Protein backbone atom coordinates (compact mmCIF):
# COMPACT_ATOMS: atom_id res chain seq x y z
CA MET A 1 -15.33 -37.10 23.63
CA ASN A 2 -14.33 -34.44 26.00
CA ASN A 3 -11.25 -32.48 25.49
CA PRO A 4 -8.84 -32.68 28.45
CA THR A 5 -7.49 -29.21 27.98
CA THR A 6 -11.02 -27.69 27.75
CA ASP A 7 -11.79 -29.63 30.92
CA ALA A 8 -8.85 -28.27 32.70
CA ALA A 9 -9.73 -24.66 31.52
CA SER A 10 -13.28 -24.90 32.58
CA ALA A 11 -12.28 -26.25 36.06
CA THR A 12 -10.13 -23.25 36.70
CA ALA A 13 -11.67 -20.25 35.03
CA ARG A 14 -15.27 -19.37 34.09
CA ARG A 15 -15.55 -15.66 34.79
CA LEU A 16 -13.55 -14.04 32.06
CA LEU A 17 -12.93 -10.94 30.25
CA ILE A 18 -11.52 -10.83 26.56
CA VAL A 19 -9.64 -7.52 25.65
CA GLY A 20 -8.03 -6.44 22.35
CA PRO A 21 -7.97 -3.69 19.93
CA PRO A 22 -10.46 -3.51 17.06
CA GLY A 23 -9.65 -6.09 14.32
CA ALA A 24 -7.97 -8.61 16.99
CA GLY A 25 -10.70 -11.11 16.47
CA LYS A 26 -12.15 -10.81 20.04
CA GLY A 27 -15.70 -11.43 18.90
CA THR A 28 -14.68 -14.87 17.14
CA GLN A 29 -12.52 -16.00 20.03
CA ALA A 30 -15.14 -15.18 22.58
CA VAL A 31 -17.77 -17.12 20.97
CA ARG A 32 -15.43 -20.21 20.56
CA ILE A 33 -14.05 -20.00 24.12
CA ALA A 34 -17.62 -19.49 25.66
CA GLU A 35 -18.99 -22.40 23.95
CA GLU A 36 -16.11 -24.75 24.95
CA LEU A 37 -16.73 -23.54 28.57
CA SER A 38 -20.39 -23.78 28.36
CA ILE A 39 -20.93 -20.11 29.47
CA PRO A 40 -22.46 -17.20 27.75
CA ALA A 41 -20.25 -14.89 25.59
CA ILE A 42 -21.65 -11.49 26.56
CA SER A 43 -21.03 -8.49 24.21
CA THR A 44 -21.90 -5.17 25.24
CA GLY A 45 -23.01 -4.49 21.81
CA ASP A 46 -25.36 -7.51 21.97
CA ILE A 47 -26.64 -6.34 25.27
CA PHE A 48 -27.44 -2.68 23.87
CA ARG A 49 -29.26 -4.30 20.87
CA ALA A 50 -31.34 -6.72 22.89
CA ASN A 51 -32.50 -3.69 25.16
CA VAL A 52 -33.17 -1.45 22.58
CA SER A 53 -34.99 -3.94 20.29
CA GLY A 54 -36.77 -5.33 23.33
CA GLU A 55 -37.82 -1.77 24.31
CA THR A 56 -36.78 -2.38 27.94
CA GLU A 57 -36.70 0.71 30.27
CA LEU A 58 -32.73 0.68 29.91
CA GLY A 59 -33.10 0.28 26.20
CA VAL A 60 -35.42 3.16 25.81
CA LEU A 61 -32.96 5.29 27.92
CA ALA A 62 -29.94 4.22 25.97
CA LYS A 63 -31.84 4.91 22.59
CA SER A 64 -32.47 8.40 23.81
CA TYR A 65 -28.77 9.22 23.86
CA MET A 66 -27.89 7.31 20.82
CA ASP A 67 -30.61 9.14 18.77
CA LYS A 68 -28.90 12.39 19.68
CA GLY A 69 -25.57 10.99 18.66
CA GLU A 70 -24.52 11.17 22.34
CA TYR A 71 -22.48 8.77 24.56
CA VAL A 72 -24.51 6.49 26.61
CA PRO A 73 -23.49 7.14 30.21
CA ASP A 74 -21.63 4.64 32.22
CA SER A 75 -24.64 4.32 34.75
CA VAL A 76 -26.86 3.03 31.81
CA THR A 77 -24.16 0.63 30.48
CA ASN A 78 -23.40 -0.61 33.97
CA ASP A 79 -27.12 -1.28 34.79
CA MET A 80 -27.54 -3.21 31.33
CA VAL A 81 -24.46 -5.35 32.33
CA ARG A 82 -25.64 -5.89 36.01
CA SER A 83 -28.95 -7.04 34.48
CA ARG A 84 -27.25 -9.54 32.26
CA LEU A 85 -24.94 -11.05 34.67
CA ALA A 86 -27.90 -11.58 37.01
CA GLU A 87 -29.67 -13.98 34.34
CA GLY A 88 -29.64 -17.63 34.96
CA ASP A 89 -27.06 -18.80 32.25
CA ALA A 90 -24.38 -16.53 33.85
CA GLN A 91 -24.58 -18.07 37.29
CA ARG A 92 -21.99 -20.60 36.14
CA GLY A 93 -19.72 -18.22 34.49
CA PHE A 94 -19.57 -15.76 31.47
CA LEU A 95 -17.01 -14.13 29.03
CA LEU A 96 -17.40 -10.40 28.74
CA ASP A 97 -16.43 -8.67 25.50
CA GLY A 98 -16.36 -5.11 25.22
CA TYR A 99 -16.69 -4.17 29.05
CA PRO A 100 -15.29 -2.68 31.05
CA ARG A 101 -13.92 0.08 28.90
CA THR A 102 -13.02 2.62 31.66
CA LEU A 103 -11.77 2.65 35.01
CA ASP A 104 -14.94 3.61 36.25
CA GLN A 105 -16.48 0.53 34.79
CA VAL A 106 -13.68 -1.73 36.43
CA GLU A 107 -14.95 -0.47 39.65
CA ALA A 108 -18.71 -1.02 38.78
CA LEU A 109 -17.93 -4.60 37.64
CA ASP A 110 -16.04 -5.22 40.89
CA GLU A 111 -19.10 -4.09 42.78
CA MET A 112 -21.39 -6.26 40.53
CA LEU A 113 -19.15 -9.50 41.09
CA SER A 114 -18.92 -8.67 44.83
CA GLY A 115 -22.71 -8.45 45.03
CA LEU A 116 -22.74 -12.02 43.23
CA ASP A 117 -20.29 -13.01 45.77
CA THR A 118 -17.82 -13.77 42.95
CA THR A 119 -14.57 -12.47 41.33
CA LEU A 120 -12.96 -12.60 37.77
CA ASP A 121 -10.81 -15.50 37.07
CA ALA A 122 -8.83 -14.22 34.11
CA VAL A 123 -8.40 -11.50 31.63
CA LEU A 124 -7.47 -12.75 28.18
CA LEU A 125 -5.44 -10.08 26.24
CA LEU A 126 -5.08 -10.52 22.49
CA VAL A 127 -1.75 -9.10 21.60
CA VAL A 128 -1.59 -7.67 17.91
CA GLU A 129 0.80 -5.63 15.68
CA THR A 130 -0.82 -2.27 14.80
CA ASP A 131 0.09 -2.12 11.14
CA GLU A 132 -1.10 -5.61 10.49
CA VAL A 133 -4.54 -4.78 12.28
CA VAL A 134 -4.73 -1.69 10.21
CA GLY A 135 -4.20 -3.61 6.94
CA ARG A 136 -6.79 -6.33 8.12
CA LEU A 137 -9.55 -3.68 8.99
CA VAL A 138 -8.86 -1.61 5.75
CA GLU A 139 -9.37 -4.92 3.76
CA ARG A 140 -12.50 -5.83 5.65
CA GLY A 141 -13.88 -2.17 5.15
CA LYS A 142 -13.34 -2.85 1.36
CA GLU A 143 -14.89 -6.09 1.35
CA GLN A 144 -17.93 -5.14 3.31
CA GLY A 145 -18.14 -1.61 1.76
CA ARG A 146 -17.74 0.19 5.03
CA SER A 147 -16.85 3.70 4.50
CA ASP A 148 -15.83 4.32 8.08
CA ASP A 149 -12.83 1.67 7.88
CA THR A 150 -10.36 4.03 6.32
CA GLU A 151 -6.71 4.02 7.64
CA GLU A 152 -7.15 7.37 9.34
CA THR A 153 -10.33 6.40 11.19
CA ILE A 154 -8.99 2.89 12.05
CA ARG A 155 -5.66 4.29 13.50
CA ARG A 156 -7.64 6.75 15.52
CA ARG A 157 -9.86 4.00 16.96
CA LEU A 158 -6.68 2.08 17.87
CA ASP A 159 -5.31 5.31 19.53
CA VAL A 160 -8.57 5.62 21.65
CA TYR A 161 -8.38 1.87 22.45
CA ALA A 162 -4.76 2.31 23.65
CA GLU A 163 -5.51 5.28 25.61
CA GLN A 164 -8.51 3.90 27.44
CA THR A 165 -7.47 0.20 27.61
CA ALA A 166 -3.90 0.39 29.00
CA PRO A 167 -4.88 1.63 32.41
CA LEU A 168 -7.48 -1.21 32.62
CA ILE A 169 -4.72 -3.91 31.85
CA ASP A 170 -2.44 -2.22 34.38
CA VAL A 171 -5.31 -2.85 37.14
CA TYR A 172 -5.81 -6.50 36.20
CA GLU A 173 -2.02 -7.00 35.83
CA LYS A 174 -1.58 -6.02 39.38
CA ARG A 175 -4.09 -8.61 40.35
CA GLY A 176 -2.40 -11.14 38.41
CA LEU A 177 -5.43 -11.81 36.04
CA VAL A 178 -3.78 -11.03 32.77
CA ARG A 179 -3.19 -13.88 30.30
CA ARG A 180 -1.45 -12.58 26.91
CA VAL A 181 -1.86 -14.45 23.81
CA ASP A 182 -0.43 -13.73 20.20
CA GLY A 183 -3.65 -12.57 18.32
CA MET A 184 -1.82 -12.64 14.94
CA ALA A 185 -1.90 -16.33 14.71
CA SER A 186 -4.54 -18.17 12.73
CA ILE A 187 -7.92 -18.36 14.35
CA ASP A 188 -7.51 -22.05 15.45
CA GLU A 189 -3.98 -21.33 16.76
CA VAL A 190 -5.36 -18.34 18.90
CA THR A 191 -8.18 -20.55 20.31
CA ALA A 192 -5.62 -23.25 21.12
CA ALA A 193 -3.31 -20.48 22.74
CA LEU A 194 -6.42 -19.14 24.83
CA ARG A 195 -7.17 -22.87 26.16
CA GLU A 196 -3.46 -23.31 27.28
CA ALA A 197 -3.48 -19.80 29.03
CA LEU A 198 -6.68 -20.59 30.82
CA ALA A 199 -5.45 -24.17 31.80
CA GLY A 200 -2.51 -22.28 33.36
CA ARG A 201 0.24 -23.63 30.76
């Protein structure tokens, strides 16, 4: 049976971004919302892995930077995203996770969407408490044996996120696209809140 709330959401928003700091649960929510809207959840991490493992021209180029421990240039990342958005399953919509991360990437995405004769419908922002997220990630690090998930490195990652992402949120806020949702609730509650935000409630 169709969920009327989901139907309302799918009728109004199909080209989406999900934004939030590390530990906010973006990946989990992206998959859930994308499945409900029958659109692909597109993670830049997944795009990178697919290109590298598939040894595409872009993947080989990206790997050459990664193997040297260098940052993959925006131009390479942009080309990967552009290629992914041009695939058939993204024609009816998509949910981007992890892109754009910089103002230059915002401009690049604008150009891509303009080329596809479309625009973004909404930016979903998961709002979380920093100390709570730090605790969540430290615990996950212990469970998974991740040495990089120390409190110091997590707080640094959160600082970098705040520095890089705040200007992006401002841009999308001015366009009236940002939908804020409490990311500290339970997984099911956050999904329900995202649905309502997309339905314009």
